[in-house]
Amino acid sequence: MFRGANAISLDAKGRLAMPSRYRDELVSRCDGQLIVTIDAVDRCLCIYPLPEWELIEAKLRELPSLREEARRLQRLLIGNAVDLEMDGAGRVLVPPRLREYAGLDKRAMLVGQLNKFNLWNEDDWNAQADADLAAIKQPGGLPEELRDLIL
């Protein structure tokens, strides 16, 4: 399980060092084999351990090919997916095209999302977190069934 928001730096080549608290789990779960792709909803990237990505691919494979929405989702997620491999120092190289999509520069946020990570531009993450908190605080901003999960 991956949780928490981690401020990280990308080096001049576009590599990020996975925080040490995740490295052992990534090595044991997937031998450091990761997949990065765009997030189809938010302007960030999704980084999956390979076994988790394979579950996504299986679901995408089952979508009806005659539905335009299904083809669109397949094109976006699979068409932008790139294999990553952690090096001995726990670093992965994020491809330039994907860094550009997410607006990533030197400062970024790696956010655990249970079975994957989101990689955000630091300013975008802070703005999104503020917007999420404001929305939840609004009357009706958190449906009862979700409120019951956390209270």
N, C-alpha and C. Protein backbone atom coordinates (compact mmCIF):
# COMPACT_ATOMS: atom_id res chain seq x y z
N MET A 1 0.83 -1.18 0.00
CA MET A 1 0.00 0.00 0.00
C MET A 1 0.88 1.25 0.00
N PHE A 2 0.54 2.15 -0.87
CA PHE A 2 1.28 3.40 -0.96
C PHE A 2 0.39 4.53 -0.46
N ARG A 3 0.89 5.28 0.51
CA ARG A 3 0.13 6.39 1.05
C ARG A 3 1.07 7.54 1.36
N GLY A 4 0.48 8.72 1.45
CA GLY A 4 1.25 9.90 1.80
C GLY A 4 1.66 10.71 0.59
N ALA A 5 1.87 11.99 0.82
CA ALA A 5 2.34 12.91 -0.21
C ALA A 5 3.79 13.26 0.09
N ASN A 6 4.64 13.09 -0.92
CA ASN A 6 6.08 13.27 -0.75
C ASN A 6 6.59 14.33 -1.71
N ALA A 7 7.18 15.39 -1.17
CA ALA A 7 7.84 16.39 -2.02
C ALA A 7 9.13 15.76 -2.54
N ILE A 8 9.30 15.78 -3.85
CA ILE A 8 10.49 15.20 -4.46
C ILE A 8 11.06 16.19 -5.47
N SER A 9 12.27 15.90 -5.90
CA SER A 9 12.92 16.70 -6.94
C SER A 9 13.23 15.79 -8.11
N LEU A 10 13.03 16.32 -9.31
CA LEU A 10 13.48 15.64 -10.51
C LEU A 10 14.83 16.21 -10.87
N ASP A 11 15.76 15.35 -11.26
CA ASP A 11 17.08 15.85 -11.62
C ASP A 11 17.06 16.41 -13.05
N ALA A 12 18.18 16.88 -13.52
CA ALA A 12 18.27 17.52 -14.84
C ALA A 12 17.87 16.59 -15.98
N LYS A 13 18.00 15.27 -15.77
CA LYS A 13 17.62 14.30 -16.79
C LYS A 13 16.15 13.90 -16.70
N GLY A 14 15.45 14.37 -15.69
CA GLY A 14 14.05 14.00 -15.51
C GLY A 14 13.84 12.75 -14.68
N ARG A 15 14.85 12.40 -13.89
CA ARG A 15 14.73 11.22 -13.03
C ARG A 15 14.20 11.63 -11.67
N LEU A 16 13.39 10.76 -11.10
CA LEU A 16 12.96 10.96 -9.73
C LEU A 16 13.44 9.78 -8.91
N ALA A 17 13.83 10.06 -7.70
CA ALA A 17 14.24 9.00 -6.77
C ALA A 17 13.03 8.64 -5.93
N MET A 18 12.63 7.37 -6.02
CA MET A 18 11.53 6.90 -5.19
C MET A 18 11.94 7.05 -3.73
N PRO A 19 11.06 7.60 -2.90
CA PRO A 19 11.38 7.69 -1.48
C PRO A 19 11.73 6.31 -0.93
N SER A 20 12.71 6.28 -0.04
CA SER A 20 13.21 5.00 0.47
C SER A 20 12.12 4.16 1.12
N ARG A 21 11.11 4.79 1.68
CA ARG A 21 10.05 4.03 2.35
C ARG A 21 9.23 3.16 1.39
N TYR A 22 9.32 3.43 0.09
CA TYR A 22 8.59 2.64 -0.91
C TYR A 22 9.49 1.64 -1.64
N ARG A 23 10.77 1.83 -1.60
CA ARG A 23 11.68 1.04 -2.46
C ARG A 23 11.61 -0.45 -2.19
N ASP A 24 11.68 -0.87 -0.93
CA ASP A 24 11.65 -2.30 -0.63
C ASP A 24 10.37 -2.94 -1.13
N GLU A 25 9.24 -2.27 -0.92
CA GLU A 25 7.97 -2.82 -1.38
C GLU A 25 7.93 -2.91 -2.90
N LEU A 26 8.45 -1.90 -3.59
CA LEU A 26 8.46 -1.94 -5.05
C LEU A 26 9.37 -3.05 -5.58
N VAL A 27 10.48 -3.26 -4.93
CA VAL A 27 11.37 -4.34 -5.35
C VAL A 27 10.70 -5.69 -5.11
N SER A 28 10.07 -5.86 -3.95
CA SER A 28 9.45 -7.16 -3.65
C SER A 28 8.20 -7.41 -4.49
N ARG A 29 7.42 -6.36 -4.78
CA ARG A 29 6.18 -6.54 -5.53
C ARG A 29 6.39 -6.69 -7.02
N CYS A 30 7.37 -5.97 -7.55
CA CYS A 30 7.48 -5.93 -9.02
C CYS A 30 8.91 -5.86 -9.51
N ASP A 31 9.87 -6.13 -8.63
CA ASP A 31 11.28 -6.09 -8.99
C ASP A 31 11.65 -4.74 -9.62
N GLY A 32 10.99 -3.67 -9.15
CA GLY A 32 11.29 -2.33 -9.65
C GLY A 32 10.74 -2.03 -11.04
N GLN A 33 9.88 -2.91 -11.56
CA GLN A 33 9.29 -2.70 -12.88
C GLN A 33 8.00 -1.90 -12.71
N LEU A 34 7.96 -0.72 -13.31
CA LEU A 34 6.83 0.19 -13.16
C LEU A 34 6.31 0.60 -14.54
N ILE A 35 5.08 1.11 -14.54
CA ILE A 35 4.48 1.68 -15.74
C ILE A 35 4.03 3.09 -15.37
N VAL A 36 4.32 4.05 -16.23
CA VAL A 36 3.82 5.41 -16.04
C VAL A 36 2.94 5.75 -17.23
N THR A 37 1.82 6.42 -16.96
CA THR A 37 0.93 6.89 -18.01
C THR A 37 0.25 8.15 -17.51
N ILE A 38 -0.53 8.77 -18.38
CA ILE A 38 -1.25 9.96 -17.96
C ILE A 38 -2.44 9.57 -17.11
N ASP A 39 -2.88 10.48 -16.28
CA ASP A 39 -4.15 10.33 -15.59
C ASP A 39 -5.20 10.90 -16.54
N ALA A 40 -6.23 10.14 -16.83
CA ALA A 40 -7.23 10.57 -17.82
C ALA A 40 -8.17 11.64 -17.28
N VAL A 41 -8.11 11.94 -15.98
CA VAL A 41 -9.01 12.94 -15.40
C VAL A 41 -8.24 14.18 -14.95
N ASP A 42 -7.19 13.98 -14.16
CA ASP A 42 -6.39 15.10 -13.65
C ASP A 42 -5.11 15.24 -14.45
N ARG A 43 -4.55 16.44 -14.45
CA ARG A 43 -3.33 16.69 -15.20
C ARG A 43 -2.11 16.28 -14.36
N CYS A 44 -1.98 14.98 -14.18
CA CYS A 44 -0.86 14.40 -13.46
C CYS A 44 -0.56 13.06 -14.11
N LEU A 45 0.43 12.37 -13.58
CA LEU A 45 0.80 11.06 -14.10
C LEU A 45 0.44 9.99 -13.07
N CYS A 46 0.23 8.78 -13.56
CA CYS A 46 0.00 7.62 -12.70
C CYS A 46 1.18 6.67 -12.87
N ILE A 47 1.73 6.23 -11.76
CA ILE A 47 2.83 5.27 -11.78
C ILE A 47 2.35 4.01 -11.07
N TYR A 48 2.32 2.91 -11.81
CA TYR A 48 1.83 1.64 -11.31
C TYR A 48 2.97 0.63 -11.19
N PRO A 49 3.00 -0.17 -10.12
CA PRO A 49 3.83 -1.38 -10.16
C PRO A 49 3.31 -2.25 -11.30
N LEU A 50 4.17 -2.95 -11.99
CA LEU A 50 3.77 -3.72 -13.16
C LEU A 50 2.57 -4.63 -12.91
N PRO A 51 2.50 -5.40 -11.81
CA PRO A 51 1.33 -6.27 -11.61
C PRO A 51 0.01 -5.49 -11.51
N GLU A 52 0.04 -4.31 -10.92
CA GLU A 52 -1.17 -3.48 -10.83
C GLU A 52 -1.57 -2.98 -12.21
N TRP A 53 -0.60 -2.58 -13.01
CA TRP A 53 -0.88 -2.12 -14.37
C TRP A 53 -1.47 -3.25 -15.20
N GLU A 54 -0.97 -4.46 -15.03
CA GLU A 54 -1.50 -5.59 -15.79
C GLU A 54 -2.98 -5.81 -15.51
N LEU A 55 -3.43 -5.52 -14.29
CA LEU A 55 -4.86 -5.60 -13.97
C LEU A 55 -5.65 -4.54 -14.74
N ILE A 56 -5.08 -3.34 -14.85
CA ILE A 56 -5.72 -2.27 -15.61
C ILE A 56 -5.81 -2.67 -17.08
N GLU A 57 -4.71 -3.17 -17.62
CA GLU A 57 -4.71 -3.60 -19.02
C GLU A 57 -5.76 -4.68 -19.28
N ALA A 58 -5.92 -5.61 -18.36
CA ALA A 58 -6.92 -6.66 -18.53
C ALA A 58 -8.33 -6.06 -18.60
N LYS A 59 -8.60 -5.08 -17.75
CA LYS A 59 -9.91 -4.41 -17.77
C LYS A 59 -10.10 -3.63 -19.07
N LEU A 60 -9.05 -2.94 -19.51
CA LEU A 60 -9.14 -2.18 -20.76
C LEU A 60 -9.35 -3.11 -21.96
N ARG A 61 -8.73 -4.26 -21.92
CA ARG A 61 -8.86 -5.25 -22.99
C ARG A 61 -10.30 -5.73 -23.12
N GLU A 62 -11.02 -5.79 -22.02
CA GLU A 62 -12.40 -6.30 -22.00
C GLU A 62 -13.43 -5.26 -22.43
N LEU A 63 -13.04 -4.01 -22.57
CA LEU A 63 -13.99 -2.98 -22.97
C LEU A 63 -14.47 -3.23 -24.39
N PRO A 64 -15.74 -2.92 -24.66
CA PRO A 64 -16.27 -3.14 -26.01
C PRO A 64 -15.62 -2.20 -27.02
N SER A 65 -15.03 -2.78 -28.04
CA SER A 65 -14.26 -1.99 -29.01
C SER A 65 -15.13 -1.11 -29.89
N LEU A 66 -16.44 -1.32 -29.89
CA LEU A 66 -17.32 -0.49 -30.70
C LEU A 66 -17.75 0.79 -29.98
N ARG A 67 -17.46 0.87 -28.70
CA ARG A 67 -17.80 2.10 -27.95
C ARG A 67 -16.66 3.10 -28.07
N GLU A 68 -16.97 4.27 -28.57
CA GLU A 68 -15.96 5.31 -28.75
C GLU A 68 -15.31 5.68 -27.42
N GLU A 69 -16.09 5.74 -26.34
CA GLU A 69 -15.53 6.09 -25.03
C GLU A 69 -14.48 5.08 -24.60
N ALA A 70 -14.74 3.81 -24.88
CA ALA A 70 -13.79 2.76 -24.52
C ALA A 70 -12.51 2.90 -25.33
N ARG A 71 -12.65 3.12 -26.62
CA ARG A 71 -11.46 3.30 -27.46
C ARG A 71 -10.67 4.53 -27.04
N ARG A 72 -11.39 5.59 -26.69
CA ARG A 72 -10.72 6.82 -26.24
C ARG A 72 -9.90 6.54 -24.98
N LEU A 73 -10.49 5.85 -24.01
CA LEU A 73 -9.77 5.53 -22.78
C LEU A 73 -8.57 4.64 -23.06
N GLN A 74 -8.72 3.65 -23.93
CA GLN A 74 -7.61 2.78 -24.29
C GLN A 74 -6.49 3.59 -24.96
N ARG A 75 -6.86 4.46 -25.88
CA ARG A 75 -5.84 5.28 -26.56
C ARG A 75 -5.07 6.13 -25.56
N LEU A 76 -5.81 6.77 -24.65
CA LEU A 76 -5.15 7.67 -23.70
C LEU A 76 -4.24 6.92 -22.73
N LEU A 77 -4.76 5.87 -22.13
CA LEU A 77 -3.97 5.17 -21.11
C LEU A 77 -2.89 4.29 -21.69
N ILE A 78 -3.26 3.44 -22.62
CA ILE A 78 -2.28 2.51 -23.19
C ILE A 78 -1.33 3.24 -24.14
N GLY A 79 -1.87 4.16 -24.91
CA GLY A 79 -1.03 4.89 -25.87
C GLY A 79 0.04 5.76 -25.22
N ASN A 80 -0.19 6.14 -23.97
CA ASN A 80 0.79 6.97 -23.25
C ASN A 80 1.60 6.19 -22.23
N ALA A 81 1.35 4.88 -22.11
CA ALA A 81 2.04 4.07 -21.11
C ALA A 81 3.49 3.81 -21.51
N VAL A 82 4.37 3.95 -20.54
CA VAL A 82 5.81 3.74 -20.76
C VAL A 82 6.33 2.86 -19.62
N ASP A 83 7.13 1.85 -19.97
CA ASP A 83 7.77 1.00 -18.97
C ASP A 83 8.91 1.77 -18.32
N LEU A 84 8.98 1.66 -17.00
CA LEU A 84 10.07 2.26 -16.22
C LEU A 84 10.74 1.15 -15.42
N GLU A 85 12.01 1.33 -15.15
CA GLU A 85 12.72 0.38 -14.30
C GLU A 85 13.54 1.17 -13.29
N MET A 86 13.32 0.86 -12.02
CA MET A 86 14.11 1.51 -10.99
C MET A 86 15.56 1.07 -11.10
N ASP A 87 16.47 2.03 -11.03
CA ASP A 87 17.88 1.66 -11.03
C ASP A 87 18.32 1.32 -9.62
N GLY A 88 19.58 1.03 -9.43
CA GLY A 88 20.10 0.63 -8.12
C GLY A 88 19.94 1.68 -7.05
N ALA A 89 19.79 2.95 -7.45
CA ALA A 89 19.60 4.03 -6.50
C ALA A 89 18.12 4.34 -6.28
N GLY A 90 17.23 3.53 -6.86
CA GLY A 90 15.79 3.74 -6.70
C GLY A 90 15.24 4.85 -7.57
N ARG A 91 15.95 5.19 -8.65
CA ARG A 91 15.51 6.27 -9.53
C ARG A 91 14.80 5.70 -10.76
N VAL A 92 13.85 6.48 -11.29
CA VAL A 92 13.21 6.17 -12.56
C VAL A 92 13.23 7.41 -13.43
N LEU A 93 13.36 7.19 -14.72
CA LEU A 93 13.39 8.29 -15.69
C LEU A 93 11.98 8.51 -16.23
N VAL A 94 11.43 9.68 -15.98
CA VAL A 94 10.11 10.03 -16.49
C VAL A 94 10.31 10.64 -17.87
N PRO A 95 9.70 10.05 -18.91
CA PRO A 95 9.91 10.54 -20.27
C PRO A 95 9.51 12.02 -20.44
N PRO A 96 10.25 12.75 -21.27
CA PRO A 96 9.98 14.18 -21.46
C PRO A 96 8.54 14.49 -21.85
N ARG A 97 7.97 13.69 -22.74
CA ARG A 97 6.59 13.95 -23.20
C ARG A 97 5.61 13.88 -22.03
N LEU A 98 5.81 12.94 -21.13
CA LEU A 98 4.91 12.82 -19.98
C LEU A 98 5.18 13.91 -18.95
N ARG A 99 6.45 14.28 -18.78
CA ARG A 99 6.76 15.40 -17.87
C ARG A 99 6.09 16.67 -18.38
N GLU A 100 6.13 16.87 -19.68
CA GLU A 100 5.49 18.05 -20.27
C GLU A 100 3.98 18.02 -20.04
N TYR A 101 3.35 16.87 -20.25
CA TYR A 101 1.90 16.74 -20.05
C TYR A 101 1.51 17.18 -18.64
N ALA A 102 2.25 16.73 -17.64
CA ALA A 102 1.92 17.01 -16.24
C ALA A 102 2.51 18.33 -15.74
N GLY A 103 3.25 19.04 -16.59
CA GLY A 103 3.85 20.30 -16.17
C GLY A 103 4.92 20.12 -15.12
N LEU A 104 5.65 19.00 -15.20
CA LEU A 104 6.66 18.71 -14.19
C LEU A 104 7.96 19.42 -14.50
N ASP A 105 8.52 20.01 -13.47
CA ASP A 105 9.86 20.58 -13.58
C ASP A 105 10.66 20.03 -12.41
N LYS A 106 11.45 20.81 -11.78
CA LYS A 106 12.31 20.30 -10.71
C LYS A 106 11.53 19.81 -9.49
N ARG A 107 10.55 20.56 -9.02
CA ARG A 107 9.78 20.22 -7.81
C ARG A 107 8.50 19.50 -8.20
N ALA A 108 8.22 18.39 -7.53
CA ALA A 108 7.02 17.61 -7.81
C ALA A 108 6.52 16.98 -6.53
N MET A 109 5.34 16.40 -6.61
CA MET A 109 4.76 15.68 -5.49
C MET A 109 4.43 14.26 -5.94
N LEU A 110 4.93 13.29 -5.20
CA LEU A 110 4.63 11.89 -5.43
C LEU A 110 3.61 11.50 -4.36
N VAL A 111 2.40 11.16 -4.81
CA VAL A 111 1.29 10.96 -3.89
C VAL A 111 0.84 9.50 -3.95
N GLY A 112 0.95 8.80 -2.82
CA GLY A 112 0.50 7.42 -2.75
C GLY A 112 -1.01 7.34 -2.88
N GLN A 113 -1.46 6.40 -3.70
CA GLN A 113 -2.89 6.19 -3.93
C GLN A 113 -3.24 4.71 -3.76
N LEU A 114 -2.74 4.12 -2.70
CA LEU A 114 -2.96 2.71 -2.34
C LEU A 114 -2.18 1.77 -3.26
N ASN A 115 -2.67 1.55 -4.49
CA ASN A 115 -2.02 0.59 -5.39
C ASN A 115 -1.14 1.25 -6.45
N LYS A 116 -1.05 2.56 -6.44
CA LYS A 116 -0.29 3.31 -7.44
C LYS A 116 0.15 4.62 -6.82
N PHE A 117 0.86 5.40 -7.61
CA PHE A 117 1.25 6.76 -7.24
C PHE A 117 0.70 7.72 -8.27
N ASN A 118 0.40 8.93 -7.84
CA ASN A 118 0.19 10.05 -8.76
C ASN A 118 1.41 10.94 -8.65
N LEU A 119 1.85 11.46 -9.77
CA LEU A 119 2.98 12.38 -9.81
C LEU A 119 2.47 13.71 -10.33
N TRP A 120 2.52 14.72 -9.49
CA TRP A 120 1.95 16.04 -9.76
C TRP A 120 3.04 17.11 -9.81
N ASN A 121 2.79 18.14 -10.58
CA ASN A 121 3.50 19.40 -10.43
C ASN A 121 3.18 19.89 -9.02
N GLU A 122 4.17 20.35 -8.27
CA GLU A 122 3.96 20.71 -6.87
C GLU A 122 2.88 21.78 -6.70
N ASP A 123 2.90 22.83 -7.50
CA ASP A 123 1.89 23.89 -7.38
C ASP A 123 0.50 23.36 -7.72
N ASP A 124 0.41 22.52 -8.75
CA ASP A 124 -0.89 21.94 -9.12
C ASP A 124 -1.43 21.06 -8.01
N TRP A 125 -0.55 20.27 -7.39
CA TRP A 125 -0.99 19.41 -6.28
C TRP A 125 -1.52 20.25 -5.12
N ASN A 126 -0.80 21.30 -4.75
CA ASN A 126 -1.24 22.15 -3.65
C ASN A 126 -2.59 22.80 -3.96
N ALA A 127 -2.77 23.27 -5.18
CA ALA A 127 -4.05 23.87 -5.58
C ALA A 127 -5.16 22.82 -5.56
N GLN A 128 -4.88 21.61 -6.04
CA GLN A 128 -5.88 20.55 -6.06
C GLN A 128 -6.26 20.14 -4.64
N ALA A 129 -5.28 20.00 -3.77
CA ALA A 129 -5.55 19.63 -2.38
C ALA A 129 -6.42 20.69 -1.70
N ASP A 130 -6.11 21.97 -1.94
CA ASP A 130 -6.92 23.05 -1.38
C ASP A 130 -8.34 23.01 -1.92
N ALA A 131 -8.49 22.79 -3.22
CA ALA A 131 -9.82 22.72 -3.84
C ALA A 131 -10.61 21.52 -3.31
N ASP A 132 -9.94 20.39 -3.13
CA ASP A 132 -10.62 19.20 -2.60
C ASP A 132 -11.12 19.45 -1.17
N LEU A 133 -10.29 20.05 -0.34
CA LEU A 133 -10.71 20.35 1.03
C LEU A 133 -11.88 21.33 1.05
N ALA A 134 -11.83 22.36 0.23
CA ALA A 134 -12.92 23.33 0.18
C ALA A 134 -14.22 22.66 -0.29
N ALA A 135 -14.12 21.79 -1.28
CA ALA A 135 -15.33 21.12 -1.81
C ALA A 135 -15.95 20.21 -0.76
N ILE A 136 -15.13 19.48 -0.01
CA ILE A 136 -15.65 18.57 1.01
C ILE A 136 -16.33 19.32 2.14
N LYS A 137 -15.84 20.53 2.43
CA LYS A 137 -16.41 21.31 3.53
C LYS A 137 -17.76 21.92 3.18
N GLN A 138 -18.09 21.99 1.90
CA GLN A 138 -19.37 22.54 1.48
C GLN A 138 -20.50 21.61 1.90
N PRO A 139 -21.69 22.16 2.20
CA PRO A 139 -22.83 21.30 2.51
C PRO A 139 -23.07 20.32 1.35
N GLY A 140 -23.15 19.05 1.70
CA GLY A 140 -23.35 18.02 0.67
C GLY A 140 -22.09 17.69 -0.11
N GLY A 141 -20.96 18.27 0.29
CA GLY A 141 -19.71 18.06 -0.44
C GLY A 141 -19.13 16.67 -0.29
N LEU A 142 -19.59 15.95 0.71
CA LEU A 142 -19.15 14.58 0.90
C LEU A 142 -20.40 13.73 1.15
N PRO A 143 -20.80 12.93 0.16
CA PRO A 143 -22.01 12.11 0.33
C PRO A 143 -21.93 11.23 1.57
N GLU A 144 -23.09 10.93 2.13
CA GLU A 144 -23.18 10.18 3.38
C GLU A 144 -22.41 8.86 3.35
N GLU A 145 -22.51 8.12 2.23
CA GLU A 145 -21.84 6.82 2.16
C GLU A 145 -20.31 6.97 2.22
N LEU A 146 -19.79 8.09 1.73
CA LEU A 146 -18.35 8.33 1.84
C LEU A 146 -17.98 8.85 3.22
N ARG A 147 -18.83 9.66 3.78
CA ARG A 147 -18.60 10.19 5.13
C ARG A 147 -18.54 9.03 6.13
N ASP A 148 -19.38 8.02 5.94
CA ASP A 148 -19.39 6.87 6.84
C ASP A 148 -18.08 6.09 6.80
N LEU A 149 -17.37 6.17 5.70
CA LEU A 149 -16.08 5.48 5.59
C LEU A 149 -15.04 6.07 6.53
N ILE A 150 -15.10 7.36 6.75
CA ILE A 150 -14.03 8.01 7.49
C ILE A 150 -14.44 8.47 8.88
N LEU A 151 -15.70 8.41 9.21
CA LEU A 151 -16.14 8.87 10.54
C LEU A 151 -16.59 7.71 11.40
